[in-house]
Structures are given as structure tokens and as C-alpha cells.
């Protein structure tokens, strides 16, 4: 199935920026291409080490269905500010930023449909908890919902106990080595190529969920099949818009575990516990090594209305299986909108 996508600097969308809670956020804005009135605003949130461009297959699909679409570069990325302090990257503060930007576009009483992938998925679930009145629907690709534990357990201790070993790479990301070694255009390009699935002639990989970044392999990898040369260069150009170390902002998302736990004590203490009543969709990716579908077991109890689907793809489902992802989102949107027939 041929699926339309945005290209770098695509003229079909607008590139705008605004001040949000004292920070500059850049975002892509796509208008409906159906000629009629907008069916609503879909707000899409990317993860690591992606950009707003990571949703390039979903933006044309959604505008063709009559939606207005906004895709920000998240804090630390692209044209958005990149504070040095990890404290600025808590899910609570980022949720407040999403809400503030959305309110600029839909007003004080408007609502959005919010979708996320990877860290963006983790963020949209928190927006649903902190700002439920903002949302008409919420969906996540790859990232399941996980409720805060009343007691804090450091990720290092959880992994040492034999649990969440698929998150071992996060210990590497939160430490200093990746930030220090991946600086400058060539290294950034090698890193992005490896993260998006580049392999060597003998099967070498530059990233392993059990180890993190394998620096000695980075220059042995062929170009990833998930990005054209133009697209990869676009990613590099956007990363180089920030001074060295270029990965500090994006990696700061991995340095907030305790800060997020402290913030979410308030949520955990709410009467009746944590519950997302907003209609929700979770799309798992069968081949996701970092976020395997099994991680979503038991999450249904935290939702009033949760739909599920699974696509045959790696972690990069948005670009590896765009037709399937779009079909799943479209069917759910039809249900959310009252049963209109999906068209692909």
C-alpha cells in the first residue's frame, strides 16, 4: 500500500513557533485538505531520538480525513528550546507545555485528540491525567500506560532485581557517556542512523536494549532503510541547530525518574486512584524490543474505555508500518466521531 508522507520542509504544511511557559516551541501545522470544516485538532507528540518529522506519514493521512494537525518538536529537539537542566523535562512540566500550546490553538474551552509515540506516548498518558478536560481522545503507539508506584524504586535497582531488563539501555542514556561521545555532525549522523535501525554487513548493530550504544560499531553500519539520505540529513540538520552537546536535551528525558515520581504523588493520592476516563487507544508493535507488547498487560484497569490494536513492526512502527498504523488510528477516530466509515 502506497502511503503519502511529508518530505523535509514540505510546502503542504506550515512551520510555526510560539512562546509556551517561557520556552519557545516550534511546530508543524497541517490544515484539512478536504475543503470542509475541520473535524477537530489532532496533536501529535514524538519520542526519542525523533522529531516532529517522525509523524510524516500520519500528517497527510489525518489532514486528508478533515483534521487539523499540530506536531511540535518536543523540548530539547529541533527548533524548540533545549534547557540544560533535567528538572525542566519532567512529565508534569511537559504536560503543562502541551496543554498551554493546545490552548493557544483551541481556546480555553476547546478539546484536542492527542497521540504519542515512545516518550511521546508516556507524555500523552500523563496529559490525560493532569489535563483531562483538554482531551476528546488519547492514543499511544508502542508505549503502554504505567501507573506510578507509591514507593520509589530506582531503575538501577529494578534492573538489578531482574525486572525491566529491556530498559537497561536507559541507564546508558541517562549517564554522561552518550552525551559526551555523540557530538558534532558526523557522530550525530552515525548515532541517528544506528537508532533508526542501521546494520553492518555482518549484522553489527549500533544499539542494544541490554547495553545501550555500541560506539565501536557506529562507523560500520550501512544506512538505515527507514530514512532516505535526504531525510537522515534533515534529522542531522535539526539536531545541529543546538550547540554541543547536541543530545543533552533529548537525553534529559531519561534523567527524570525520581522527579516524575515526586510529581505524581499527587496523582497517586487521588480518591479512587489513577484512572483515565478519556476514550483511549493503544497500538502495540509486535517486534518492539524496547517496549514489547507484553508490557501492556494489565493496563486496561486504569481506563474507562480502552481500545487495543497491534501492528507487525519494530519500535519504528510510524514509518515501518504506516498504512497499518494509520488504519488503526482511522478506525478509532471513526468510533470517536460517531461511526463514520474509514477511508484509506
Protein backbone atom coordinates (compact mmCIF):
# COMPACT_ATOMS: atom_id res chain seq x y z
CA UNK A 1 0.00 0.00 0.00
CA UNK A 2 1.37 3.37 -1.02
CA UNK A 3 1.20 5.87 1.82
CA UNK A 4 1.67 9.60 1.38
CA UNK A 5 4.25 11.31 3.56
CA UNK A 6 5.72 14.70 4.22
CA UNK A 7 9.18 15.46 2.86
CA UNK A 8 11.70 17.73 4.59
CA UNK A 9 10.45 21.33 4.51
CA UNK A 10 7.24 20.17 2.84
CA UNK A 11 5.27 23.16 1.49
CA UNK A 12 1.93 21.50 2.28
CA UNK A 13 2.32 22.35 5.96
CA UNK A 14 3.27 25.46 7.90
CA UNK A 15 6.25 25.79 10.23
CA UNK A 16 5.47 27.99 13.19
CA UNK A 17 6.73 28.77 16.69
CA UNK A 18 5.35 30.30 19.84
CA UNK A 19 6.21 31.00 23.47
CA UNK A 20 4.92 28.41 25.94
CA UNK A 21 5.58 28.77 29.68
CA UNK A 22 8.66 30.84 28.97
CA UNK A 23 10.06 28.50 26.29
CA UNK A 24 9.97 28.63 22.51
CA UNK A 25 8.24 25.67 20.89
CA UNK A 26 8.38 25.07 17.15
CA UNK A 27 5.67 23.03 15.48
CA UNK A 28 4.30 21.79 12.19
CA UNK A 29 0.74 22.79 11.33
CA UNK A 30 -1.30 20.91 8.77
CA UNK A 31 -4.74 22.11 7.66
CA UNK A 32 -7.56 19.85 6.42
CA UNK A 33 -7.35 19.09 2.71
CA UNK A 34 -10.99 18.03 2.40
CA UNK A 35 -12.28 21.55 1.72
CA UNK A 36 -14.80 21.41 4.53
CA UNK A 37 -14.82 22.48 8.14
CA UNK A 38 -12.16 20.92 10.36
CA UNK A 39 -13.26 17.81 12.28
CA UNK A 40 -11.01 18.83 15.15
CA UNK A 41 -7.38 19.24 16.15
CA UNK A 42 -5.08 16.21 16.35
CA UNK A 43 -1.95 16.94 18.36
CA UNK A 44 0.95 14.51 17.87
CA UNK A 45 3.93 14.05 20.23
CA UNK A 46 7.18 12.37 19.15
CA UNK A 47 9.73 10.48 21.23
CA UNK A 48 13.49 9.80 21.29
CA UNK A 49 15.51 10.46 19.19
CA UNK A 50 12.79 11.60 16.83
CA UNK A 51 11.42 14.96 15.72
CA UNK A 52 8.03 16.22 14.63
CA UNK A 53 9.11 14.78 11.26
CA UNK A 54 8.68 11.31 12.76
CA UNK A 55 4.93 11.64 12.16
CA UNK A 56 5.47 12.38 8.45
CA UNK A 57 3.21 9.50 7.31
CA UNK A 58 0.40 10.38 9.69
CA UNK A 59 0.07 14.12 8.99
CA UNK A 60 -1.12 13.82 5.34
CA UNK A 61 -3.43 10.97 6.28
CA UNK A 62 -5.10 12.93 9.05
CA UNK A 63 -5.42 16.16 7.04
CA UNK A 64 -6.96 14.13 4.21
CA UNK A 65 -9.60 12.97 6.68
CA UNK A 66 -10.52 16.52 7.60
CA UNK A 67 -8.45 17.10 10.72
CA UNK A 68 -6.22 19.97 11.63
CA UNK A 69 -2.86 18.57 12.80
CA UNK A 70 -0.18 20.05 15.05
CA UNK A 71 3.15 18.31 15.65
CA UNK A 72 5.63 20.10 17.93
CA UNK A 73 9.32 19.48 18.21
CA UNK A 74 9.44 18.44 21.84
CA UNK A 75 11.57 20.17 24.47
CA UNK A 76 15.25 19.59 23.63
CA UNK A 77 14.66 18.93 19.94
CA UNK A 78 14.81 20.75 16.61
CA UNK A 79 13.54 24.30 16.67
CA UNK A 80 12.29 24.08 20.26
CA UNK A 81 14.34 25.27 23.21
CA UNK A 82 16.68 22.81 24.93
CA UNK A 83 17.24 23.76 28.59
CA UNK A 84 20.34 22.22 30.14
CA UNK A 85 18.67 21.30 33.43
CA UNK A 86 16.96 17.91 33.64
CA UNK A 87 14.38 19.40 36.00
CA UNK A 88 12.77 21.14 33.02
CA UNK A 89 11.92 17.79 31.39
CA UNK A 90 9.54 16.26 33.92
CA UNK A 91 6.35 14.80 32.50
CA UNK A 92 4.35 17.23 34.63
CA UNK A 93 6.08 20.30 33.16
CA UNK A 94 5.94 18.84 29.66
CA UNK A 95 2.22 18.08 30.12
CA UNK A 96 1.69 21.70 31.11
CA UNK A 97 3.54 22.78 27.95
CA UNK A 98 1.35 20.56 25.75
CA UNK A 99 -1.75 21.98 27.41
CA UNK A 100 -0.57 25.59 27.06
CA UNK A 101 0.26 25.17 23.38
CA UNK A 102 -3.02 23.41 22.69
CA UNK A 103 -4.99 26.13 24.48
CA UNK A 104 -3.43 28.71 22.15
CA UNK A 105 -4.93 26.78 19.24
CA UNK A 106 -8.33 25.66 20.55
CA UNK A 107 -9.09 28.24 23.23
CA UNK A 108 -9.97 27.79 26.88
CA UNK A 109 -12.94 25.50 26.22
CA UNK A 110 -11.76 23.57 23.16
CA UNK A 111 -10.52 19.99 23.08
CA UNK A 112 -7.90 18.06 21.13
CA UNK A 113 -7.22 14.48 20.16
CA UNK A 114 -3.75 13.68 21.48
CA UNK A 115 -1.39 10.99 20.17
CA UNK A 116 2.14 9.99 21.12
CA UNK A 117 4.95 7.56 20.32
CA UNK A 118 7.84 6.40 22.52
CA UNK A 119 8.46 9.14 25.13
CA UNK A 120 5.62 10.98 23.44
CA UNK A 121 3.38 8.07 24.39
CA UNK A 122 4.46 8.29 28.01
CA UNK A 123 3.73 12.01 27.90
CA UNK A 124 0.24 11.79 26.40
CA UNK A 125 -0.90 9.40 29.15
CA UNK A 126 0.26 11.97 31.71
CA UNK A 127 -1.52 14.80 29.89
CA UNK A 128 -4.67 12.67 30.16
CA UNK A 129 -4.15 12.55 33.94
CA UNK A 130 -3.10 16.15 34.53
CA UNK A 131 -5.35 17.85 31.93
CA UNK A 132 -8.32 15.55 31.23
CA UNK A 133 -10.65 18.39 30.23
CA UNK A 134 -8.36 19.22 27.30
CA UNK A 135 -8.79 15.84 25.62
CA UNK A 136 -11.53 14.34 23.46
CA UNK A 137 -9.40 11.24 22.88
CA UNK A 138 -5.87 10.00 23.53
CA UNK A 139 -3.74 7.35 21.83
CA UNK A 140 -0.25 5.92 22.09
CA UNK A 141 1.81 3.93 19.62
CA UNK A 142 4.20 1.45 21.27
CA UNK A 143 4.20 3.00 24.76
CA UNK A 144 1.81 1.37 27.27
CA UNK A 145 0.44 3.16 30.30
CA UNK A 146 2.15 2.52 33.60
CA UNK A 147 0.93 3.90 36.91
CA UNK A 148 3.31 5.36 39.45
CA UNK A 149 4.32 3.14 42.33
CA UNK A 150 3.54 4.53 45.80
CA UNK A 151 7.13 3.69 46.73
CA UNK A 152 10.11 4.87 44.69
CA UNK A 153 12.33 2.20 43.14
CA UNK A 154 15.34 3.39 41.12
CA UNK A 155 15.58 1.90 37.65
CA UNK A 156 19.05 0.59 38.52
CA UNK A 157 17.56 -1.43 41.40
CA UNK A 158 14.64 -2.69 39.34
CA UNK A 159 17.00 -3.99 36.64
CA UNK A 160 19.35 -5.49 39.25
CA UNK A 161 16.35 -7.44 40.53
CA UNK A 162 15.86 -8.93 37.07
CA UNK A 163 12.90 -6.81 36.03
CA UNK A 164 12.58 -4.38 33.10
CA UNK A 165 15.90 -5.59 31.71
CA UNK A 166 14.70 -4.30 28.32
CA UNK A 167 15.23 -0.82 29.83
CA UNK A 168 18.93 -1.36 30.60
CA UNK A 169 19.83 0.96 27.73
CA UNK A 170 18.16 3.80 29.65
CA UNK A 171 20.90 3.63 32.25
CA UNK A 172 23.40 4.32 29.47
CA UNK A 173 21.29 7.19 28.12
CA UNK A 174 20.91 8.90 31.49
CA UNK A 175 24.63 8.76 32.20
CA UNK A 176 27.31 11.04 30.75
CA UNK A 177 28.93 8.81 28.10
CA UNK A 178 26.43 9.06 25.24
CA UNK A 179 26.09 12.81 25.65
CA UNK A 180 29.87 13.26 25.69
CA UNK A 181 30.73 10.97 22.76
CA UNK A 182 27.91 11.90 20.36
CA UNK A 183 28.82 15.46 19.43
CA UNK A 184 29.29 17.08 16.04
CA UNK A 185 27.64 16.42 12.70
CA UNK A 186 29.37 13.13 11.83
CA UNK A 187 28.77 11.48 15.21
CA UNK A 188 25.19 12.70 15.40
CA UNK A 189 24.53 11.24 11.95
CA UNK A 190 26.07 7.91 12.91
CA UNK A 191 24.04 7.83 16.11
CA UNK A 192 20.73 8.60 14.41
CA UNK A 193 21.45 6.05 11.70
CA UNK A 194 22.05 3.35 14.31
CA UNK A 195 18.99 4.28 16.39
CA UNK A 196 16.76 4.06 13.34
CA UNK A 197 17.95 0.54 12.58
CA UNK A 198 21.15 0.75 10.55
CA UNK A 199 23.03 -2.58 10.38
CA UNK A 200 26.53 -3.61 9.39
CA UNK A 201 27.49 -6.08 6.65
CA UNK A 202 27.96 -8.82 9.26
CA UNK A 203 24.85 -7.98 11.23
CA UNK A 204 26.52 -5.42 13.51
CA UNK A 205 24.22 -3.11 15.39
CA UNK A 206 24.93 0.24 16.96
CA UNK A 207 22.31 -0.07 19.67
CA UNK A 208 21.24 -2.86 22.02
CA UNK A 209 18.46 -2.62 24.61
CA UNK A 210 20.61 -4.62 27.03
CA UNK A 211 23.72 -2.43 26.59
CA UNK A 212 22.88 0.92 25.04
CA UNK A 213 25.01 2.49 22.31
CA UNK A 214 27.78 0.32 20.86
CA UNK A 215 30.20 3.07 19.89
CA UNK A 216 32.74 0.81 18.17
CA UNK A 217 30.11 -0.28 15.64
CA UNK A 218 28.73 3.11 14.62
CA UNK A 219 31.03 3.58 11.63
CA UNK A 220 30.41 0.00 10.41
CA UNK A 221 26.71 0.42 9.75
CA UNK A 222 25.00 0.75 6.39
CA UNK A 223 22.36 3.45 6.09
CA UNK A 224 19.05 2.61 7.71
CA UNK A 225 16.24 1.60 5.37
CA UNK A 226 13.76 3.68 7.36
CA UNK A 227 15.17 7.01 6.16
CA UNK A 228 16.25 8.31 2.78
CA UNK A 229 19.55 10.17 2.65
CA UNK A 230 17.61 13.44 2.43
CA UNK A 231 15.55 12.52 5.48
CA UNK A 232 18.57 11.46 7.53
CA UNK A 233 20.35 14.69 6.65
CA UNK A 234 17.23 16.59 7.69
CA UNK A 235 17.37 14.97 11.12
CA UNK A 236 21.05 15.82 11.45
CA UNK A 237 20.46 19.43 10.42
CA UNK A 238 17.75 19.80 13.05
CA UNK A 239 19.97 18.31 15.76
CA UNK A 240 22.82 20.61 14.82
CA UNK A 241 20.56 23.61 15.41
CA UNK A 242 21.51 23.19 19.08
CA UNK A 243 25.05 23.74 20.37
CA UNK A 244 27.16 20.88 21.73
CA UNK A 245 26.41 18.62 23.41
CA UNK A 246 23.57 18.18 20.92
CA UNK A 247 21.99 15.25 22.77
CA UNK A 248 21.79 16.82 26.23
CA UNK A 249 18.18 17.98 25.86
CA UNK A 250 16.83 14.73 24.37
CA UNK A 251 18.75 12.61 26.91
CA UNK A 252 17.42 14.70 29.78
CA UNK A 253 14.08 12.92 29.32
CA UNK A 254 15.84 9.83 30.76
CA UNK A 255 17.06 11.70 33.83
CA UNK A 256 13.73 12.46 35.46
CA UNK A 257 12.60 9.20 37.05
CA UNK A 258 12.64 10.41 40.65
CA UNK A 259 11.40 13.87 39.68
CA UNK A 260 8.42 12.32 37.87
CA UNK A 261 7.69 10.11 40.87
CA UNK A 262 7.74 13.12 43.19
CA UNK A 263 5.30 14.98 40.93
CA UNK A 264 2.94 12.03 40.66
CA UNK A 265 2.47 11.54 44.39
CA UNK A 266 -0.43 13.94 43.94
CA UNK A 267 -1.98 11.75 41.24
CA UNK A 268 -1.49 8.55 43.23
CA UNK A 269 -3.22 10.14 46.21
CA UNK A 270 -6.44 10.99 44.38
CA UNK A 271 -9.62 9.30 45.69
CA UNK A 272 -10.24 6.12 43.71
CA UNK A 273 -6.69 6.03 42.43
CA UNK A 274 -5.45 6.79 38.94
CA UNK A 275 -8.00 6.46 36.13
CA UNK A 276 -8.10 7.75 32.55
CA UNK A 277 -11.73 8.27 31.54
CA UNK A 278 -10.87 9.84 28.17
CA UNK A 279 -11.53 7.39 25.29
CA UNK A 280 -8.13 5.83 24.57
CA UNK A 281 -6.31 3.69 22.01
CA UNK A 282 -3.12 1.71 22.47
CA UNK A 283 -1.30 0.35 19.40
CA UNK A 284 1.44 -2.15 20.20
CA UNK A 285 4.23 -3.12 17.79
CA UNK A 286 4.88 -6.87 17.74
CA UNK A 287 8.63 -6.52 17.13
CA UNK A 288 9.36 -3.69 19.57
CA UNK A 289 12.39 -4.75 21.63
CA UNK A 290 12.35 -1.72 23.94
CA UNK A 291 8.58 -1.72 24.53
CA UNK A 292 7.33 -5.26 23.86
CA UNK A 293 3.53 -5.70 23.76
CA UNK A 294 3.73 -7.81 26.93
CA UNK A 295 4.45 -4.61 28.87
CA UNK A 296 0.84 -3.55 28.34
CA UNK A 297 -0.58 -6.47 30.32
CA UNK A 298 -2.95 -5.20 32.99
CA UNK A 299 -3.12 -1.59 31.86
CA UNK A 300 -6.83 -1.86 30.97
CA UNK A 301 -7.84 -1.43 34.61
CA UNK A 302 -6.67 2.17 34.53
CA UNK A 303 -9.03 3.15 31.69
CA UNK A 304 -12.72 3.80 31.37
CA UNK A 305 -12.69 2.99 27.65
CA UNK A 306 -9.56 1.49 26.09
CA UNK A 307 -9.28 0.12 22.54
CA UNK A 308 -6.29 -2.01 21.54
CA UNK A 309 -4.55 -2.96 18.33
CA UNK A 310 -1.19 -4.40 17.30
CA UNK A 311 0.84 -3.92 14.13
CA UNK A 312 3.63 -6.07 12.73
CA UNK A 313 6.56 -3.69 13.10
CA UNK A 314 9.58 -2.76 15.16
CA UNK A 315 9.65 0.18 17.55
CA UNK A 316 9.57 2.47 14.49
CA UNK A 317 6.01 1.49 13.60
CA UNK A 318 5.06 5.00 12.48
CA UNK A 319 7.41 4.74 9.49
CA UNK A 320 7.82 0.98 9.12
CA UNK A 321 4.11 0.14 9.03
CA UNK A 322 2.43 3.50 8.34
CA UNK A 323 -0.54 2.05 6.48
CA UNK A 324 -1.40 -0.27 9.34
CA UNK A 325 -0.88 2.41 11.98
CA UNK A 326 -2.99 4.90 10.03
CA UNK A 327 -5.76 2.33 9.53
CA UNK A 328 -5.86 1.65 13.26
CA UNK A 329 -5.93 5.33 14.17
CA UNK A 330 -8.56 5.99 11.49
CA UNK A 331 -10.91 3.27 12.70
CA UNK A 332 -10.64 4.55 16.25
CA UNK A 333 -11.24 8.14 15.13
CA UNK A 334 -14.36 6.97 13.29
CA UNK A 335 -15.65 5.49 16.52
CA UNK A 336 -14.72 8.63 18.41
CA UNK A 337 -16.53 10.76 15.80
CA UNK A 338 -19.65 8.63 15.89
CA UNK A 339 -19.13 5.76 13.47
CA UNK A 340 -18.26 7.39 10.12
CA UNK A 341 -16.70 4.93 7.67
CA UNK A 342 -12.90 4.95 7.47
CA UNK A 343 -11.24 5.63 4.13
CA UNK A 344 -7.62 4.89 3.36
